[in-house]
Amino acid sequence: MPTAFGIDNTLLYIPNNILTADFDGFPTLISPLVGLAAFIIISMLTGGNNTKNQNTYSLDRETQVYRR
């Protein structure tokens, strides 16, 4: 039975034979890497390099305004 600070933690406890107590700390260690990978993949798919182009366009617009 899982415990938290010495008190039984049975609120969401589902007993199973697939994931034992040996697996307990592994998700905690790997979850930051999964989150980072998801962030990088989504940013690359949604155009993570657009800021460079936006800066170039804004500089071009500024020079056009000053030329008038």
N, C-alpha and C. Protein backbone atom coordinates (compact mmCIF):
# COMPACT_ATOMS: atom_id res chain seq x y z
N MET A 1 0.84 -1.18 0.00
CA MET A 1 0.00 0.00 0.00
C MET A 1 0.89 1.24 0.00
N PRO A 2 0.67 2.19 -0.90
CA PRO A 2 1.49 3.40 -0.93
C PRO A 2 1.18 4.31 0.25
N THR A 3 2.20 5.01 0.71
CA THR A 3 2.02 5.95 1.82
C THR A 3 2.64 7.28 1.46
N ALA A 4 2.10 8.35 2.04
CA ALA A 4 2.66 9.68 1.90
C ALA A 4 2.77 10.26 3.30
N PHE A 5 3.98 10.52 3.74
CA PHE A 5 4.26 11.03 5.09
C PHE A 5 3.70 10.10 6.16
N GLY A 6 3.76 8.80 5.90
CA GLY A 6 3.32 7.82 6.89
C GLY A 6 1.83 7.56 6.91
N ILE A 7 1.06 8.23 6.04
CA ILE A 7 -0.39 8.03 5.98
C ILE A 7 -0.71 7.30 4.69
N ASP A 8 -1.62 6.33 4.75
CA ASP A 8 -1.99 5.60 3.54
C ASP A 8 -2.51 6.54 2.47
N ASN A 9 -1.97 6.39 1.27
CA ASN A 9 -2.36 7.21 0.13
C ASN A 9 -3.17 6.35 -0.82
N THR A 10 -4.44 6.18 -0.52
CA THR A 10 -5.28 5.27 -1.30
C THR A 10 -6.33 6.00 -2.13
N LEU A 11 -6.22 7.31 -2.29
CA LEU A 11 -7.22 8.06 -3.02
C LEU A 11 -7.30 7.63 -4.48
N LEU A 12 -6.17 7.56 -5.17
CA LEU A 12 -6.15 7.14 -6.57
C LEU A 12 -5.33 5.87 -6.76
N TYR A 13 -5.24 5.04 -5.76
CA TYR A 13 -4.42 3.84 -5.83
C TYR A 13 -5.18 2.73 -6.54
N ILE A 14 -4.57 2.20 -7.59
CA ILE A 14 -5.14 1.07 -8.31
C ILE A 14 -4.10 -0.04 -8.29
N PRO A 15 -4.35 -1.12 -7.59
CA PRO A 15 -3.36 -2.20 -7.53
C PRO A 15 -3.25 -2.90 -8.89
N ASN A 16 -2.00 -3.18 -9.32
CA ASN A 16 -1.78 -3.90 -10.57
C ASN A 16 -0.50 -4.70 -10.48
N ASN A 17 -0.36 -5.63 -11.39
CA ASN A 17 0.83 -6.47 -11.42
C ASN A 17 1.78 -6.07 -12.55
N ILE A 18 1.40 -5.12 -13.38
CA ILE A 18 2.23 -4.72 -14.53
C ILE A 18 3.32 -3.74 -14.08
N LEU A 19 2.93 -2.67 -13.41
CA LEU A 19 3.89 -1.66 -12.93
C LEU A 19 4.08 -1.84 -11.43
N THR A 20 5.23 -2.33 -11.06
CA THR A 20 5.49 -2.60 -9.65
C THR A 20 6.12 -1.37 -8.99
N ALA A 21 6.47 -1.50 -7.73
CA ALA A 21 7.09 -0.41 -6.99
C ALA A 21 8.49 -0.09 -7.53
N ASP A 22 9.11 -1.02 -8.24
CA ASP A 22 10.43 -0.76 -8.83
C ASP A 22 10.37 0.32 -9.91
N PHE A 23 9.22 0.48 -10.53
CA PHE A 23 9.03 1.45 -11.60
C PHE A 23 8.71 2.84 -11.04
N ASP A 24 8.55 3.00 -9.76
CA ASP A 24 8.00 4.19 -9.14
C ASP A 24 8.77 5.47 -9.47
N GLY A 25 10.07 5.51 -9.39
CA GLY A 25 10.82 6.74 -9.59
C GLY A 25 11.18 7.04 -11.02
N PHE A 26 11.05 6.08 -11.91
CA PHE A 26 11.46 6.25 -13.30
C PHE A 26 10.66 7.35 -14.02
N PRO A 27 9.34 7.42 -13.92
CA PRO A 27 8.61 8.51 -14.60
C PRO A 27 9.02 9.89 -14.11
N THR A 28 9.39 10.00 -12.84
CA THR A 28 9.82 11.28 -12.31
C THR A 28 11.12 11.73 -12.95
N LEU A 29 12.00 10.80 -13.24
CA LEU A 29 13.28 11.15 -13.86
C LEU A 29 13.16 11.42 -15.35
N ILE A 30 12.27 10.74 -16.03
CA ILE A 30 12.19 10.87 -17.48
C ILE A 30 11.21 11.95 -17.93
N SER A 31 10.28 12.38 -17.10
CA SER A 31 9.26 13.35 -17.52
C SER A 31 9.84 14.70 -17.95
N PRO A 32 10.88 15.25 -17.32
CA PRO A 32 11.43 16.51 -17.84
C PRO A 32 12.01 16.36 -19.25
N LEU A 33 12.60 15.22 -19.55
CA LEU A 33 13.14 15.00 -20.90
C LEU A 33 12.03 14.89 -21.93
N VAL A 34 10.94 14.24 -21.57
CA VAL A 34 9.81 14.12 -22.48
C VAL A 34 9.18 15.50 -22.73
N GLY A 35 9.06 16.29 -21.67
CA GLY A 35 8.51 17.64 -21.82
C GLY A 35 9.38 18.52 -22.68
N LEU A 36 10.69 18.45 -22.50
CA LEU A 36 11.61 19.23 -23.32
C LEU A 36 11.55 18.80 -24.78
N ALA A 37 11.51 17.51 -25.02
CA ALA A 37 11.42 17.01 -26.39
C ALA A 37 10.12 17.47 -27.05
N ALA A 38 9.02 17.42 -26.32
CA ALA A 38 7.73 17.88 -26.87
C ALA A 38 7.78 19.37 -27.19
N PHE A 39 8.38 20.16 -26.31
CA PHE A 39 8.50 21.60 -26.55
C PHE A 39 9.31 21.89 -27.80
N ILE A 40 10.43 21.21 -27.97
CA ILE A 40 11.30 21.43 -29.13
C ILE A 40 10.60 21.00 -30.41
N ILE A 41 9.94 19.86 -30.40
CA ILE A 41 9.26 19.37 -31.59
C ILE A 41 8.13 20.31 -32.00
N ILE A 42 7.32 20.74 -31.05
CA ILE A 42 6.21 21.63 -31.37
C ILE A 42 6.72 22.98 -31.86
N SER A 43 7.77 23.50 -31.25
CA SER A 43 8.30 24.79 -31.70
C SER A 43 8.91 24.70 -33.09
N MET A 44 9.50 23.58 -33.42
CA MET A 44 10.05 23.41 -34.76
C MET A 44 8.93 23.26 -35.79
N LEU A 45 7.86 22.56 -35.44
CA LEU A 45 6.75 22.37 -36.36
C LEU A 45 5.94 23.64 -36.59
N THR A 46 5.91 24.52 -35.61
CA THR A 46 5.10 25.73 -35.73
C THR A 46 5.93 26.93 -36.17
N GLY A 47 7.12 26.71 -36.65
CA GLY A 47 7.92 27.81 -37.20
C GLY A 47 8.73 28.52 -36.14
N GLY A 48 9.61 27.83 -35.49
CA GLY A 48 10.42 28.42 -34.44
C GLY A 48 11.43 29.44 -34.93
N ASN A 49 11.70 29.53 -36.23
CA ASN A 49 12.71 30.46 -36.74
C ASN A 49 12.09 31.72 -37.34
N ASN A 50 10.84 32.01 -37.10
CA ASN A 50 10.18 33.17 -37.68
C ASN A 50 10.65 34.48 -37.06
N THR A 51 11.20 34.46 -35.87
CA THR A 51 11.60 35.71 -35.22
C THR A 51 12.72 36.39 -35.99
N LYS A 52 13.60 35.64 -36.59
CA LYS A 52 14.68 36.22 -37.37
C LYS A 52 14.12 36.96 -38.57
N ASN A 53 13.13 36.37 -39.25
CA ASN A 53 12.52 37.02 -40.40
C ASN A 53 11.71 38.24 -39.98
N GLN A 54 11.04 38.17 -38.85
CA GLN A 54 10.25 39.31 -38.38
C GLN A 54 11.15 40.50 -38.08
N ASN A 55 12.31 40.26 -37.49
CA ASN A 55 13.24 41.35 -37.21
C ASN A 55 13.74 41.99 -38.50
N THR A 56 14.00 41.19 -39.51
CA THR A 56 14.47 41.71 -40.79
C THR A 56 13.40 42.57 -41.43
N TYR A 57 12.16 42.12 -41.42
CA TYR A 57 11.07 42.89 -42.01
C TYR A 57 10.86 44.21 -41.27
N SER A 58 10.98 44.18 -39.96
CA SER A 58 10.77 45.43 -39.21
C SER A 58 11.89 46.42 -39.50
N LEU A 59 13.11 45.96 -39.68
CA LEU A 59 14.21 46.86 -40.04
C LEU A 59 14.00 47.44 -41.43
N ASP A 60 13.49 46.64 -42.37
CA ASP A 60 13.21 47.13 -43.71
C ASP A 60 12.13 48.21 -43.67
N ARG A 61 11.11 48.00 -42.86
CA ARG A 61 10.04 48.99 -42.75
C ARG A 61 10.55 50.28 -42.13
N GLU A 62 11.43 50.17 -41.15
CA GLU A 62 11.97 51.37 -40.51
C GLU A 62 12.80 52.19 -41.50
N THR A 63 13.57 51.53 -42.33
CA THR A 63 14.38 52.27 -43.31
C THR A 63 13.49 52.91 -44.36
N GLN A 64 12.38 52.27 -44.72
CA GLN A 64 11.46 52.87 -45.68
C GLN A 64 10.79 54.12 -45.10
N VAL A 65 10.46 54.07 -43.82
CA VAL A 65 9.82 55.22 -43.18
C VAL A 65 10.79 56.39 -43.14
N TYR A 66 12.04 56.15 -42.81
CA TYR A 66 13.02 57.21 -42.70
C TYR A 66 13.44 57.77 -44.05
N ARG A 67 13.27 57.04 -45.12
CA ARG A 67 13.65 57.51 -46.45
C ARG A 67 12.67 58.54 -46.98
N ARG A 68 11.45 58.52 -46.55
CA ARG A 68 10.42 59.44 -47.07
C ARG A 68 10.67 60.84 -46.69
